[in-house]
Amino acid sequence: MENYKLSDSKLLSLYKNGNEGAFEQLLTKHKSRVYTTIYLIVKDECIAEDLLQETFIKAINTIKSGRYNEEGKFLPWILRIAHNMAIDHFRKQKRYPTIVLEDGSPVLNTLEFSENSFETAQIEKETHDALKDCINQLPETQKDVLLKRHYMGLSFQEIAEESGVSINTALGRMRYALINLRKMMKQYNIAYDKNFYPR
């Protein structure tokens, strides 16, 4: 129990030197915070538990391989891993976002491929792929709020809490993300015909 009094960096040092119990102390110390970070995104207890385990496994592998270089910043580091795990999970679960631009025009609708011709489905897929490329070019803060809102369906209150910013900041980031996305779509000539993509 004495290890609870030790700093994260000291516990990590002990773990690197073969003290397996030191990492257990880190896990116990931060498990709740890491779980909450994941759960706020996935909103499913079973998935959150699975991702929690994967997060700590990834952390262990990184430390044991000698690639950990965040001395004194263990908690922010592992929270970043957890956050990325949760985001990746949603990217796998829902491949395409439904995004509405700042003027209210939807970029893409969710057409059922089975009800459309192969050509229509192919056009939609190519447009989705081009849209993904544009999203990936957004500044990280803008991309983050857009993905949380449109991929995950988080409210702006939840986005603000999860990102540690005010609601106004989250709203501002979303506004600029949509403005920048529209500019890029024009630049790359990505169509969003209002008749083809109805609301």
Protein backbone atom coordinates (compact mmCIF):
# COMPACT_ATOMS: atom_id res chain seq x y z
CA MET A 1 0.00 0.00 0.00
CA GLU A 2 3.00 2.29 0.38
CA ASN A 3 3.16 2.57 -3.39
CA TYR A 4 0.04 4.75 -3.39
CA LYS A 5 2.24 7.52 -1.99
CA LEU A 6 4.66 7.26 -4.92
CA SER A 7 4.44 9.52 -7.96
CA ASP A 8 3.51 8.15 -11.37
CA SER A 9 7.07 8.64 -12.63
CA LYS A 10 8.47 6.68 -9.66
CA LEU A 11 5.96 3.86 -10.21
CA LEU A 12 6.89 3.77 -13.90
CA SER A 13 10.57 3.62 -13.01
CA LEU A 14 9.90 0.68 -10.68
CA TYR A 15 7.85 -1.06 -13.39
CA LYS A 16 10.59 -0.61 -15.99
CA ASN A 17 12.98 -2.25 -13.52
CA GLY A 18 10.80 -5.35 -13.23
CA ASN A 19 8.35 -4.46 -10.46
CA GLU A 20 5.07 -5.71 -11.97
CA GLY A 21 3.12 -4.53 -8.94
CA ALA A 22 4.06 -0.93 -9.70
CA PHE A 23 1.98 -0.96 -12.88
CA GLU A 24 -0.93 -2.49 -10.99
CA GLN A 25 -0.76 0.53 -8.69
CA LEU A 26 -0.86 2.86 -11.69
CA LEU A 27 -3.82 0.97 -13.09
CA THR A 28 -5.72 1.11 -9.79
CA LYS A 29 -4.87 4.78 -9.38
CA HIS A 30 -6.11 5.88 -12.83
CA LYS A 31 -8.55 3.17 -13.94
CA SER A 32 -11.69 5.15 -13.07
CA ARG A 33 -10.58 8.27 -14.95
CA VAL A 34 -9.55 6.29 -18.04
CA TYR A 35 -12.82 4.31 -18.03
CA THR A 36 -14.88 7.51 -17.77
CA THR A 37 -13.04 9.05 -20.74
CA ILE A 38 -13.87 6.00 -22.86
CA TYR A 39 -17.46 5.62 -21.61
CA LEU A 40 -18.31 9.27 -22.40
CA ILE A 41 -17.53 8.49 -26.03
CA VAL A 42 -18.83 4.93 -26.56
CA LYS A 43 -21.72 5.05 -24.03
CA ASP A 44 -21.67 1.27 -23.60
CA GLU A 45 -20.33 -0.37 -20.44
CA CYS A 46 -19.18 -3.60 -22.10
CA ILE A 47 -17.39 -1.82 -24.94
CA ALA A 48 -15.85 0.64 -22.47
CA GLU A 49 -14.52 -2.23 -20.36
CA ASP A 50 -13.00 -3.91 -23.43
CA LEU A 51 -11.38 -0.68 -24.60
CA LEU A 52 -10.11 -0.02 -21.07
CA GLN A 53 -8.25 -3.35 -21.17
CA GLU A 54 -6.91 -2.61 -24.66
CA THR A 55 -5.73 0.82 -23.50
CA PHE A 56 -3.67 -0.59 -20.65
CA ILE A 57 -2.32 -3.40 -22.85
CA LYS A 58 -1.16 -0.82 -25.39
CA ALA A 59 0.40 1.23 -22.58
CA ILE A 60 2.26 -1.82 -21.25
CA ASN A 61 3.55 -2.71 -24.72
CA THR A 62 4.74 0.85 -25.32
CA ILE A 63 6.54 1.04 -21.97
CA LYS A 64 8.12 -2.41 -22.29
CA SER A 65 9.37 -1.65 -25.80
CA GLY A 66 11.17 1.43 -24.49
CA ARG A 67 9.05 3.85 -26.54
CA TYR A 68 7.49 5.65 -23.58
CA ASN A 69 8.97 9.14 -23.22
CA GLU A 70 6.29 11.07 -21.32
CA GLU A 71 8.06 11.20 -17.97
CA GLY A 72 5.85 12.79 -15.33
CA LYS A 73 2.87 12.93 -17.69
CA PHE A 74 1.51 9.39 -17.44
CA LEU A 75 -2.16 10.32 -16.92
CA PRO A 76 -2.50 12.71 -19.91
CA TRP A 77 -0.62 10.16 -22.02
CA ILE A 78 -2.84 7.20 -21.15
CA LEU A 79 -5.98 9.35 -21.50
CA ARG A 80 -4.86 10.17 -25.06
CA ILE A 81 -4.50 6.45 -25.78
CA ALA A 82 -7.97 5.81 -24.34
CA HIS A 83 -9.48 8.66 -26.35
CA ASN A 84 -7.91 7.41 -29.59
CA MET A 85 -9.08 3.84 -28.89
CA ALA A 86 -12.66 5.08 -28.49
CA ILE A 87 -12.47 7.22 -31.65
CA ASP A 88 -11.04 4.29 -33.64
CA HIS A 89 -13.86 2.06 -32.39
CA PHE A 90 -16.44 4.48 -33.74
CA ARG A 91 -14.66 4.85 -37.05
CA LYS A 92 -14.89 1.08 -37.49
CA GLN A 93 -18.53 0.92 -36.39
CA LYS A 94 -19.78 3.81 -38.52
CA ARG A 95 -17.78 4.31 -41.68
CA TYR A 96 -19.55 7.37 -43.05
CA PRO A 97 -20.59 10.60 -41.29
CA THR A 98 -23.78 12.48 -42.09
CA ILE A 99 -22.66 16.10 -42.15
CA VAL A 100 -24.73 19.26 -42.57
CA LEU A 101 -22.83 22.36 -43.71
CA GLU A 102 -23.14 25.73 -42.01
CA ASP A 103 -25.82 26.85 -44.47
CA GLY A 104 -27.96 23.81 -43.65
CA SER A 105 -27.07 21.84 -46.80
CA PRO A 106 -26.41 18.14 -46.18
CA VAL A 107 -23.16 16.86 -47.66
CA LEU A 108 -24.36 13.30 -48.05
CA ASN A 109 -27.49 11.42 -47.19
CA THR A 110 -27.54 7.81 -46.04
CA LEU A 111 -28.77 6.10 -49.20
CA GLU A 112 -29.36 2.38 -49.08
CA PHE A 113 -27.00 0.93 -51.65
CA SER A 114 -29.34 -2.01 -52.31
CA GLU A 115 -32.07 0.36 -53.54
CA ASN A 116 -29.80 2.14 -56.03
CA SER A 117 -27.88 1.26 -59.13
CA PHE A 118 -24.24 0.21 -58.93
CA GLU A 119 -23.26 3.52 -60.56
CA THR A 120 -25.10 5.55 -57.92
CA ALA A 121 -23.56 3.52 -55.11
CA GLN A 122 -20.11 3.93 -56.66
CA ILE A 123 -20.54 7.71 -56.95
CA GLU A 124 -21.60 7.88 -53.33
CA LYS A 125 -18.65 5.80 -52.19
CA GLU A 126 -16.18 7.96 -54.12
CA THR A 127 -17.76 11.10 -52.68
CA HIS A 128 -17.56 9.65 -49.17
CA ASP A 129 -13.88 8.83 -49.68
CA ALA A 130 -13.15 12.35 -50.93
CA LEU A 131 -15.07 13.77 -47.97
CA LYS A 132 -13.00 11.67 -45.54
CA ASP A 133 -9.82 13.06 -47.09
CA CYS A 134 -11.11 16.60 -46.57
CA ILE A 135 -12.03 15.87 -42.95
CA ASN A 136 -8.54 14.51 -42.31
CA GLN A 137 -7.06 17.79 -43.56
CA LEU A 138 -8.95 19.88 -40.98
CA PRO A 139 -7.05 21.26 -37.98
CA GLU A 140 -7.03 18.65 -35.21
CA THR A 141 -9.40 20.55 -32.86
CA GLN A 142 -11.94 21.09 -35.65
CA LYS A 143 -11.71 17.49 -36.86
CA ASP A 144 -12.15 16.24 -33.29
CA VAL A 145 -15.39 18.12 -32.63
CA LEU A 146 -16.79 17.22 -36.08
CA LEU A 147 -16.11 13.50 -35.59
CA LYS A 148 -17.60 13.50 -32.10
CA ARG A 149 -20.71 15.30 -33.29
CA HIS A 150 -21.36 13.52 -36.59
CA TYR A 151 -19.75 10.10 -36.13
CA MET A 152 -20.71 9.61 -32.51
CA GLY A 153 -23.77 11.77 -32.02
CA LEU A 154 -22.41 13.47 -28.92
CA SER A 155 -24.15 16.65 -27.76
CA PHE A 156 -22.14 19.86 -27.65
CA GLN A 157 -22.33 19.69 -23.85
CA GLU A 158 -20.75 16.22 -23.94
CA ILE A 159 -18.14 17.33 -26.47
CA ALA A 160 -17.24 20.31 -24.29
CA GLU A 161 -16.90 18.16 -21.16
CA GLU A 162 -14.95 15.43 -22.97
CA SER A 163 -12.58 17.98 -24.56
CA GLY A 164 -12.21 20.17 -21.49
CA VAL A 165 -13.47 23.33 -23.21
CA SER A 166 -16.54 25.58 -23.00
CA ILE A 167 -19.65 24.91 -25.08
CA ASN A 168 -19.01 28.16 -26.98
CA THR A 169 -15.53 26.93 -27.91
CA ALA A 170 -16.92 23.59 -29.08
CA LEU A 171 -19.59 25.36 -31.16
CA GLY A 172 -16.99 27.72 -32.63
CA ARG A 173 -14.75 24.82 -33.62
CA MET A 174 -17.68 23.09 -35.31
CA ARG A 175 -18.61 26.26 -37.21
CA TYR A 176 -15.07 26.71 -38.53
CA ALA A 177 -14.81 23.00 -39.32
CA LEU A 178 -17.91 23.20 -41.53
CA ILE A 179 -16.78 26.43 -43.20
CA ASN A 180 -13.34 24.92 -43.95
CA LEU A 181 -14.93 21.67 -45.12
CA ARG A 182 -17.14 23.56 -47.56
CA LYS A 183 -14.12 25.49 -48.93
CA MET A 184 -12.20 22.25 -49.48
CA MET A 185 -15.20 20.62 -51.16
CA LYS A 186 -15.36 23.51 -53.62
CA GLN A 187 -11.61 23.36 -54.14
CA TYR A 188 -11.70 19.63 -54.90
CA ASN A 189 -14.98 19.93 -56.81
CA ILE A 190 -16.89 17.55 -54.54
CA ALA A 191 -20.57 17.90 -55.40
CA TYR A 192 -23.35 18.00 -52.85
CA ASP A 193 -26.42 18.37 -55.05
CA LYS A 194 -29.39 19.24 -52.86
CA ASN A 195 -31.75 17.09 -54.96
CA PHE A 196 -29.44 14.07 -55.06
CA TYR A 197 -28.70 14.35 -51.34
CA PRO A 198 -32.01 15.38 -49.77
CA ARG A 199 -32.31 16.14 -46.06
